[in-house]
């Protein structure tokens, strides 16, 4: 399972796994591992960008400021109406990752807020 899976829905991934004989528990494990890798990548990229001089951030949640670039991507994924797995992964990156047993919102408060 890789980045192509991010453009698939959970239902499509499950159906494909079933049609190829991939066991359901293995699919759940692979989906969780992919989620955790992408969540970590997104958060690292956000934290890196926030360190750059002149990066403008907006308040995404009460405890999270993110660069405008990332907020626009996040909004696009949800407003596009696509049922991609990427939507769930992005939500986990911004709001808290249940696959990593996070109970609350991700906190990355650094950066210059504009809203």
N, C-alpha and C. Protein backbone atom coordinates (compact mmCIF):
# COMPACT_ATOMS: atom_id res chain seq x y z
N UNK A 1 0.86 -1.17 0.00
CA UNK A 1 0.00 0.00 0.00
C UNK A 1 0.91 1.23 0.00
N UNK A 2 0.59 2.18 -0.84
CA UNK A 2 1.44 3.35 -0.93
C UNK A 2 0.63 4.59 -1.20
N UNK A 3 1.28 5.54 -1.84
CA UNK A 3 0.66 6.84 -2.05
C UNK A 3 -0.57 6.77 -2.95
N UNK A 4 -0.63 5.79 -3.86
CA UNK A 4 -1.82 5.63 -4.69
C UNK A 4 -3.05 5.37 -3.82
N UNK A 5 -2.86 4.69 -2.71
CA UNK A 5 -3.97 4.41 -1.79
C UNK A 5 -4.56 5.69 -1.23
N UNK A 6 -3.77 6.75 -1.13
CA UNK A 6 -4.28 8.01 -0.59
C UNK A 6 -5.38 8.60 -1.47
N UNK A 7 -5.40 8.24 -2.75
CA UNK A 7 -6.43 8.74 -3.67
C UNK A 7 -7.61 7.78 -3.78
N UNK A 8 -7.64 6.77 -2.96
CA UNK A 8 -8.72 5.79 -2.97
C UNK A 8 -9.60 5.98 -1.75
N UNK A 9 -10.82 5.51 -1.85
CA UNK A 9 -11.69 5.52 -0.68
C UNK A 9 -11.41 4.27 0.15
N UNK A 10 -11.80 4.31 1.38
CA UNK A 10 -11.65 3.14 2.25
C UNK A 10 -12.39 1.95 1.65
N UNK A 11 -13.58 2.19 1.14
CA UNK A 11 -14.39 1.12 0.55
C UNK A 11 -13.68 0.51 -0.65
N UNK A 12 -13.11 1.37 -1.52
CA UNK A 12 -12.38 0.85 -2.69
C UNK A 12 -11.15 0.06 -2.27
N UNK A 13 -10.42 0.56 -1.27
CA UNK A 13 -9.24 -0.17 -0.80
C UNK A 13 -9.64 -1.53 -0.25
N UNK A 14 -10.72 -1.57 0.50
CA UNK A 14 -11.19 -2.82 1.09
C UNK A 14 -11.64 -3.80 0.01
N UNK A 15 -12.37 -3.29 -0.98
CA UNK A 15 -12.83 -4.15 -2.07
C UNK A 15 -11.66 -4.70 -2.87
N UNK A 16 -10.68 -3.87 -3.14
CA UNK A 16 -9.48 -4.33 -3.88
C UNK A 16 -8.74 -5.39 -3.07
N UNK A 17 -8.59 -5.15 -1.78
CA UNK A 17 -7.89 -6.12 -0.93
C UNK A 17 -8.62 -7.45 -0.94
N UNK A 18 -9.95 -7.41 -0.84
CA UNK A 18 -10.74 -8.65 -0.84
C UNK A 18 -10.61 -9.38 -2.17
N UNK A 19 -10.60 -8.63 -3.28
CA UNK A 19 -10.53 -9.26 -4.60
C UNK A 19 -9.16 -9.88 -4.87
N UNK A 20 -8.14 -9.43 -4.18
CA UNK A 20 -6.80 -9.98 -4.38
C UNK A 20 -6.41 -10.97 -3.29
N UNK A 21 -7.32 -11.21 -2.36
CA UNK A 21 -7.05 -12.17 -1.29
C UNK A 21 -6.22 -11.60 -0.15
N UNK A 22 -6.08 -10.28 -0.11
CA UNK A 22 -5.32 -9.63 0.97
C UNK A 22 -6.17 -9.68 2.23
N UNK A 23 -5.66 -10.22 3.31
CA UNK A 23 -6.47 -10.37 4.53
C UNK A 23 -6.88 -9.01 5.14
N UNK A 24 -8.09 -8.93 5.61
CA UNK A 24 -8.62 -7.69 6.20
C UNK A 24 -7.76 -7.16 7.34
N UNK A 25 -7.29 -8.00 8.27
CA UNK A 25 -6.44 -7.47 9.34
C UNK A 25 -5.14 -6.85 8.80
N UNK A 26 -4.59 -7.44 7.76
CA UNK A 26 -3.37 -6.89 7.16
C UNK A 26 -3.66 -5.56 6.49
N UNK A 27 -4.84 -5.43 5.87
CA UNK A 27 -5.22 -4.16 5.26
C UNK A 27 -5.36 -3.08 6.32
N UNK A 28 -6.02 -3.40 7.43
CA UNK A 28 -6.15 -2.42 8.51
C UNK A 28 -4.79 -1.98 9.03
N UNK A 29 -3.87 -2.93 9.19
CA UNK A 29 -2.52 -2.61 9.67
C UNK A 29 -1.78 -1.73 8.67
N UNK A 30 -1.87 -2.08 7.39
CA UNK A 30 -1.19 -1.29 6.35
C UNK A 30 -1.78 0.11 6.27
N UNK A 31 -3.10 0.24 6.39
CA UNK A 31 -3.75 1.56 6.34
C UNK A 31 -3.32 2.40 7.54
N UNK A 32 -3.23 1.80 8.71
CA UNK A 32 -2.79 2.53 9.90
C UNK A 32 -1.34 2.98 9.76
N UNK A 33 -0.48 2.11 9.24
CA UNK A 33 0.93 2.48 9.06
C UNK A 33 1.08 3.60 8.03
N UNK A 34 0.33 3.52 6.92
CA UNK A 34 0.37 4.59 5.92
C UNK A 34 -0.12 5.90 6.53
N UNK A 35 -1.23 5.84 7.26
CA UNK A 35 -1.75 7.02 7.94
C UNK A 35 -0.69 7.65 8.83
N UNK A 36 -0.07 6.86 9.68
CA UNK A 36 0.91 7.40 10.63
C UNK A 36 2.12 8.01 9.92
N UNK A 37 2.56 7.39 8.83
CA UNK A 37 3.70 7.95 8.08
C UNK A 37 3.33 9.29 7.45
N UNK A 38 2.15 9.37 6.86
CA UNK A 38 1.75 10.61 6.19
C UNK A 38 1.45 11.69 7.22
N UNK A 39 0.81 11.35 8.33
CA UNK A 39 0.56 12.33 9.40
C UNK A 39 1.88 12.92 9.87
N UNK A 40 2.87 12.08 10.11
CA UNK A 40 4.18 12.56 10.56
C UNK A 40 4.83 13.44 9.49
N UNK A 41 4.72 13.05 8.22
CA UNK A 41 5.28 13.84 7.13
C UNK A 41 4.64 15.22 7.07
N UNK A 42 3.30 15.26 7.11
CA UNK A 42 2.58 16.53 7.03
C UNK A 42 2.97 17.43 8.20
N UNK A 43 2.96 16.88 9.40
CA UNK A 43 3.30 17.68 10.57
C UNK A 43 4.74 18.18 10.51
N UNK A 44 5.66 17.35 10.07
CA UNK A 44 7.05 17.78 9.94
C UNK A 44 7.18 18.88 8.91
N UNK A 45 6.47 18.76 7.79
CA UNK A 45 6.52 19.78 6.75
C UNK A 45 5.95 21.10 7.27
N UNK A 46 4.86 21.03 8.02
CA UNK A 46 4.26 22.23 8.60
C UNK A 46 5.23 22.88 9.58
N UNK A 47 5.79 22.10 10.47
CA UNK A 47 6.74 22.64 11.45
C UNK A 47 7.96 23.25 10.76
N UNK A 48 8.46 22.60 9.71
CA UNK A 48 9.60 23.13 8.97
C UNK A 48 9.25 24.46 8.33
N UNK A 49 8.11 24.51 7.66
CA UNK A 49 7.71 25.74 6.96
C UNK A 49 7.50 26.88 7.95
N UNK A 50 7.00 26.59 9.13
CA UNK A 50 6.75 27.63 10.13
C UNK A 50 8.05 28.25 10.64
N UNK A 51 9.18 27.56 10.47
CA UNK A 51 10.47 28.09 10.89
C UNK A 51 11.04 29.06 9.87
N UNK A 52 10.52 29.06 8.65
CA UNK A 52 11.05 29.93 7.60
C UNK A 52 10.59 31.36 7.83
N UNK A 53 11.49 32.27 7.61
CA UNK A 53 11.18 33.68 7.80
C UNK A 53 10.08 34.11 6.84
N UNK A 54 9.11 34.82 7.36
CA UNK A 54 8.03 35.35 6.53
C UNK A 54 6.86 34.42 6.31
N UNK A 55 6.90 33.24 6.91
CA UNK A 55 5.78 32.32 6.74
C UNK A 55 4.57 32.86 7.49
N UNK A 56 3.48 33.03 6.78
CA UNK A 56 2.25 33.53 7.38
C UNK A 56 1.36 32.35 7.73
N UNK A 57 0.87 32.36 8.97
CA UNK A 57 0.05 31.26 9.47
C UNK A 57 -1.34 31.77 9.83
N UNK A 58 -2.29 30.85 9.83
CA UNK A 58 -3.63 31.17 10.30
C UNK A 58 -4.01 30.19 11.40
N UNK A 59 -4.96 30.59 12.20
CA UNK A 59 -5.43 29.77 13.31
C UNK A 59 -6.37 28.71 12.74
N UNK A 60 -5.93 27.45 12.72
CA UNK A 60 -6.73 26.35 12.19
C UNK A 60 -7.67 25.79 13.25
N UNK A 61 -7.19 25.69 14.48
CA UNK A 61 -8.01 25.28 15.62
C UNK A 61 -7.62 26.18 16.79
N UNK A 62 -8.24 25.97 17.92
CA UNK A 62 -7.91 26.82 19.07
C UNK A 62 -6.46 26.65 19.53
N UNK A 63 -5.82 25.55 19.17
CA UNK A 63 -4.44 25.29 19.60
C UNK A 63 -3.48 25.09 18.44
N UNK A 64 -3.92 25.34 17.22
CA UNK A 64 -3.08 25.04 16.06
C UNK A 64 -3.07 26.18 15.06
N UNK A 65 -1.86 26.66 14.79
CA UNK A 65 -1.65 27.61 13.70
C UNK A 65 -0.86 26.89 12.62
N UNK A 66 -1.27 27.07 11.38
CA UNK A 66 -0.59 26.43 10.27
C UNK A 66 -0.34 27.44 9.16
N UNK A 67 0.68 27.19 8.34
CA UNK A 67 0.89 28.05 7.19
C UNK A 67 -0.35 28.06 6.29
N UNK A 68 -0.61 29.21 5.70
CA UNK A 68 -1.78 29.38 4.85
C UNK A 68 -1.82 28.30 3.77
N UNK A 69 -0.68 27.98 3.19
CA UNK A 69 -0.55 26.96 2.15
C UNK A 69 -1.19 25.64 2.59
N UNK A 70 -0.88 25.20 3.81
CA UNK A 70 -1.39 23.92 4.31
C UNK A 70 -2.88 24.00 4.62
N UNK A 71 -3.34 25.13 5.13
CA UNK A 71 -4.77 25.28 5.40
C UNK A 71 -5.56 25.21 4.09
N UNK A 72 -5.05 25.82 3.04
CA UNK A 72 -5.74 25.77 1.74
C UNK A 72 -5.81 24.35 1.21
N UNK A 73 -4.74 23.59 1.35
CA UNK A 73 -4.76 22.18 0.92
C UNK A 73 -5.77 21.38 1.73
N UNK A 74 -5.77 21.60 3.03
CA UNK A 74 -6.70 20.91 3.91
C UNK A 74 -8.15 21.21 3.50
N UNK A 75 -8.45 22.48 3.27
CA UNK A 75 -9.80 22.86 2.87
C UNK A 75 -10.16 22.27 1.52
N UNK A 76 -9.22 22.26 0.57
CA UNK A 76 -9.50 21.71 -0.76
C UNK A 76 -9.90 20.24 -0.68
N UNK A 77 -9.17 19.48 0.11
CA UNK A 77 -9.47 18.05 0.23
C UNK A 77 -10.91 17.84 0.68
N UNK A 78 -11.38 18.64 1.62
CA UNK A 78 -12.73 18.46 2.14
C UNK A 78 -13.80 19.08 1.25
N UNK A 79 -13.52 20.22 0.65
CA UNK A 79 -14.52 20.87 -0.18
C UNK A 79 -14.66 20.23 -1.55
N UNK A 80 -13.67 19.43 -1.96
CA UNK A 80 -13.73 18.77 -3.26
C UNK A 80 -14.78 17.67 -3.29
N UNK A 81 -15.17 17.17 -2.13
CA UNK A 81 -16.16 16.10 -2.06
C UNK A 81 -15.60 14.73 -2.40
N UNK A 82 -14.31 14.64 -2.58
CA UNK A 82 -13.69 13.35 -2.88
C UNK A 82 -13.63 12.52 -1.61
N UNK A 83 -13.86 11.23 -1.73
CA UNK A 83 -13.83 10.36 -0.55
C UNK A 83 -12.48 9.67 -0.41
N UNK A 84 -11.43 10.38 -0.77
CA UNK A 84 -10.08 9.83 -0.70
C UNK A 84 -9.67 9.57 0.75
N UNK A 85 -8.85 8.56 0.92
CA UNK A 85 -8.27 8.26 2.23
C UNK A 85 -7.44 9.45 2.72
N UNK A 86 -6.91 10.22 1.79
CA UNK A 86 -6.12 11.40 2.14
C UNK A 86 -6.90 12.36 3.04
N UNK A 87 -8.21 12.46 2.83
CA UNK A 87 -9.02 13.34 3.67
C UNK A 87 -8.96 12.93 5.13
N UNK A 88 -9.08 11.66 5.39
CA UNK A 88 -9.00 11.16 6.77
C UNK A 88 -7.61 11.37 7.34
N UNK A 89 -6.59 11.15 6.54
CA UNK A 89 -5.22 11.32 6.99
C UNK A 89 -4.95 12.79 7.34
N UNK A 90 -5.40 13.71 6.48
CA UNK A 90 -5.20 15.14 6.76
C UNK A 90 -5.95 15.55 8.02
N UNK A 91 -7.14 15.03 8.19
CA UNK A 91 -7.90 15.34 9.41
C UNK A 91 -7.13 14.83 10.63
N UNK A 92 -6.56 13.65 10.54
CA UNK A 92 -5.77 13.11 11.64
C UNK A 92 -4.53 13.95 11.90
N UNK A 93 -3.93 14.50 10.86
CA UNK A 93 -2.74 15.33 11.03
C UNK A 93 -3.08 16.63 11.75
N UNK A 94 -4.22 17.22 11.44
CA UNK A 94 -4.58 18.51 12.02
C UNK A 94 -5.27 18.37 13.37
N UNK A 95 -6.14 17.41 13.50
CA UNK A 95 -7.01 17.36 14.67
C UNK A 95 -6.58 16.37 15.74
N UNK A 96 -5.75 15.44 15.40
CA UNK A 96 -5.34 14.41 16.34
C UNK A 96 -5.41 13.06 15.65
N UNK A 97 -4.43 12.23 15.89
CA UNK A 97 -4.29 10.97 15.19
C UNK A 97 -4.71 9.80 16.07
N UNK A 98 -5.92 9.27 15.88
CA UNK A 98 -6.35 8.15 16.71
C UNK A 98 -5.52 6.88 16.49
N UNK A 99 -4.88 6.75 15.32
CA UNK A 99 -4.03 5.58 15.07
C UNK A 99 -2.78 5.61 15.95
N UNK A 100 -2.44 6.79 16.47
CA UNK A 100 -1.30 6.93 17.38
C UNK A 100 -1.79 7.18 18.81
N UNK A 101 -3.05 6.86 19.05
CA UNK A 101 -3.68 7.01 20.37
C UNK A 101 -3.68 8.44 20.88
N UNK A 102 -3.73 9.41 19.98
CA UNK A 102 -3.84 10.81 20.39
C UNK A 102 -5.29 11.09 20.78
N UNK A 103 -5.46 11.76 21.88
CA UNK A 103 -6.81 12.03 22.39
C UNK A 103 -7.29 13.45 22.12
N UNK A 104 -6.41 14.33 21.74
CA UNK A 104 -6.80 15.72 21.51
C UNK A 104 -6.21 16.25 20.23
N UNK A 105 -6.45 17.53 19.99
CA UNK A 105 -5.93 18.18 18.80
C UNK A 105 -4.41 18.25 18.83
N UNK A 106 -3.81 18.21 17.65
CA UNK A 106 -2.37 18.41 17.54
C UNK A 106 -2.06 19.86 17.90
N UNK A 107 -1.03 20.07 18.68
CA UNK A 107 -0.65 21.41 19.10
C UNK A 107 0.68 21.79 18.46
N UNK A 108 0.63 22.77 17.61
CA UNK A 108 1.83 23.32 16.98
C UNK A 108 1.60 24.84 16.89
N UNK A 109 1.69 25.53 18.01
CA UNK A 109 1.24 26.92 18.09
C UNK A 109 2.18 27.98 17.55
N UNK A 110 3.35 27.62 17.06
CA UNK A 110 4.31 28.62 16.62
C UNK A 110 3.91 29.22 15.27
N UNK A 111 4.39 30.39 14.97
CA UNK A 111 4.13 31.04 13.70
C UNK A 111 3.40 32.35 13.90
N UNK A 112 3.37 33.16 12.89
CA UNK A 112 2.72 34.47 12.95
C UNK A 112 1.29 34.30 12.50
N UNK A 113 0.33 34.49 13.39
CA UNK A 113 -1.09 34.32 13.07
C UNK A 113 -1.64 35.55 12.38
N UNK A 114 -2.55 35.33 11.42
CA UNK A 114 -3.25 36.45 10.77
C UNK A 114 -4.75 36.33 10.93
N UNK A 115 -5.20 35.26 11.54
CA UNK A 115 -6.65 35.10 11.67
C UNK A 115 -7.04 34.15 12.74
